[in-house]
Each structure stands twice: as structure tokens, then as C-alpha cells.
Amino acid sequence: MEAYCFKCRSKREIKSPQQVTLKNGRPATQGVCPQCNTKVFRIGKA
């Protein structure tokens, strides 16, 4: 799964993705950018 990295300013593959649920109940995926190790986040089901 890919997410947009704001530091690299490009889409990157999510390293060590984790499924999380937002406060409003929506599913999301959280992980880190393999290039710069910044947190990346994608809302929606995997």
C-alpha cells in the first residue's frame, strides 16, 4: 500500500504498516516512509 510522504513530496510504499481506527470509526493505515523514516498515514481500508 502506498501513502503520500510530505517530507519527500512523493508517494512511497508504507514500511511496517499498522491498521488503526480513527475516533470517528473510519479505518486507516499508519506506517513509516522507507526513504526518510517520517510517519505516513492513509485513510481508508487496505
N, C-alpha and C. Protein backbone atom coordinates (compact mmCIF):
# COMPACT_ATOMS: atom_id res chain seq x y z
N MET A 1 0.85 -1.18 0.00
CA MET A 1 0.00 0.00 0.00
C MET A 1 0.89 1.24 0.00
N GLU A 2 0.46 2.26 -0.73
CA GLU A 2 1.22 3.50 -0.83
C GLU A 2 0.54 4.62 -0.07
N ALA A 3 1.34 5.55 0.41
CA ALA A 3 0.84 6.76 1.06
C ALA A 3 1.73 7.92 0.64
N TYR A 4 1.21 9.13 0.72
CA TYR A 4 1.97 10.32 0.32
C TYR A 4 2.85 10.75 1.48
N CYS A 5 4.15 10.90 1.22
CA CYS A 5 5.09 11.39 2.22
C CYS A 5 5.26 12.89 2.01
N PHE A 6 4.95 13.69 3.01
CA PHE A 6 5.02 15.14 2.88
C PHE A 6 6.46 15.64 2.90
N LYS A 7 7.36 14.90 3.49
CA LYS A 7 8.76 15.30 3.53
C LYS A 7 9.44 15.04 2.17
N CYS A 8 9.20 13.86 1.59
CA CYS A 8 9.77 13.52 0.28
C CYS A 8 8.97 14.13 -0.88
N ARG A 9 7.73 14.50 -0.60
CA ARG A 9 6.80 15.04 -1.60
C ARG A 9 6.55 14.06 -2.75
N SER A 10 6.36 12.79 -2.39
CA SER A 10 6.01 11.78 -3.38
C SER A 10 5.32 10.61 -2.69
N LYS A 11 4.70 9.74 -3.50
CA LYS A 11 4.06 8.55 -2.94
C LYS A 11 5.12 7.49 -2.69
N ARG A 12 5.05 6.88 -1.52
CA ARG A 12 6.00 5.85 -1.13
C ARG A 12 5.24 4.63 -0.61
N GLU A 13 5.87 3.48 -0.72
CA GLU A 13 5.33 2.25 -0.15
C GLU A 13 5.43 2.36 1.37
N ILE A 14 4.39 1.97 2.10
CA ILE A 14 4.40 2.08 3.56
C ILE A 14 5.24 0.95 4.15
N LYS A 15 6.22 1.31 4.98
CA LYS A 15 7.04 0.33 5.67
C LYS A 15 6.41 0.07 7.04
N SER A 16 6.31 -1.19 7.43
CA SER A 16 5.69 -1.66 8.68
C SER A 16 4.30 -1.06 8.88
N PRO A 17 3.36 -1.35 7.97
CA PRO A 17 2.00 -0.80 8.09
C PRO A 17 1.23 -1.39 9.26
N GLN A 18 0.41 -0.55 9.90
CA GLN A 18 -0.46 -0.98 11.00
C GLN A 18 -1.87 -0.49 10.72
N GLN A 19 -2.85 -1.34 10.95
CA GLN A 19 -4.25 -0.95 10.80
C GLN A 19 -4.67 -0.22 12.07
N VAL A 20 -5.23 0.98 11.91
CA VAL A 20 -5.72 1.76 13.05
C VAL A 20 -7.14 2.21 12.75
N THR A 21 -7.86 2.60 13.79
CA THR A 21 -9.21 3.12 13.66
C THR A 21 -9.24 4.53 14.21
N LEU A 22 -9.78 5.45 13.42
CA LEU A 22 -9.87 6.84 13.85
C LEU A 22 -10.98 7.00 14.89
N LYS A 23 -11.01 8.17 15.53
CA LYS A 23 -12.02 8.41 16.57
C LYS A 23 -13.44 8.30 16.04
N ASN A 24 -13.64 8.66 14.77
CA ASN A 24 -14.98 8.60 14.20
C ASN A 24 -15.33 7.22 13.64
N GLY A 25 -14.43 6.25 13.81
CA GLY A 25 -14.71 4.87 13.42
C GLY A 25 -14.19 4.49 12.04
N ARG A 26 -13.59 5.40 11.31
CA ARG A 26 -13.09 5.09 9.97
C ARG A 26 -11.78 4.32 10.07
N PRO A 27 -11.55 3.36 9.17
CA PRO A 27 -10.28 2.63 9.17
C PRO A 27 -9.18 3.44 8.51
N ALA A 28 -7.94 3.20 8.92
CA ALA A 28 -6.78 3.89 8.35
C ALA A 28 -5.56 2.99 8.48
N THR A 29 -4.50 3.34 7.74
CA THR A 29 -3.24 2.62 7.80
C THR A 29 -2.15 3.61 8.15
N GLN A 30 -1.30 3.22 9.10
CA GLN A 30 -0.22 4.08 9.57
C GLN A 30 1.09 3.32 9.46
N GLY A 31 2.16 4.02 9.11
CA GLY A 31 3.47 3.39 9.00
C GLY A 31 4.55 4.45 8.86
N VAL A 32 5.69 4.05 8.28
CA VAL A 32 6.78 5.00 8.09
C VAL A 32 7.24 4.96 6.64
N CYS A 33 7.82 6.06 6.19
CA CYS A 33 8.38 6.17 4.85
C CYS A 33 9.71 5.43 4.82
N PRO A 34 9.94 4.56 3.84
CA PRO A 34 11.21 3.82 3.79
C PRO A 34 12.40 4.71 3.44
N GLN A 35 12.16 5.85 2.83
CA GLN A 35 13.24 6.75 2.41
C GLN A 35 13.75 7.62 3.56
N CYS A 36 12.81 8.29 4.28
CA CYS A 36 13.22 9.28 5.27
C CYS A 36 12.76 8.96 6.70
N ASN A 37 12.06 7.84 6.90
CA ASN A 37 11.57 7.40 8.21
C ASN A 37 10.59 8.37 8.87
N THR A 38 9.86 9.14 8.06
CA THR A 38 8.81 10.01 8.56
C THR A 38 7.51 9.20 8.65
N LYS A 39 6.64 9.53 9.61
CA LYS A 39 5.35 8.85 9.69
C LYS A 39 4.51 9.18 8.47
N VAL A 40 3.89 8.16 7.88
CA VAL A 40 2.94 8.36 6.79
C VAL A 40 1.62 7.73 7.22
N PHE A 41 0.54 8.25 6.65
CA PHE A 41 -0.79 7.90 7.11
C PHE A 41 -1.72 7.88 5.91
N ARG A 42 -2.57 6.86 5.82
CA ARG A 42 -3.54 6.79 4.73
C ARG A 42 -4.90 6.38 5.30
N ILE A 43 -5.90 7.20 5.01
CA ILE A 43 -7.25 6.92 5.46
C ILE A 43 -7.93 6.01 4.46
N GLY A 44 -8.63 5.01 4.94
CA GLY A 44 -9.35 4.08 4.08
C GLY A 44 -8.90 2.66 4.33
N LYS A 45 -9.72 1.73 3.87
CA LYS A 45 -9.44 0.32 4.07
C LYS A 45 -8.33 -0.15 3.14
N ALA A 46 -7.51 -1.06 3.62
CA ALA A 46 -6.38 -1.56 2.82
C ALA A 46 -6.81 -2.48 1.72
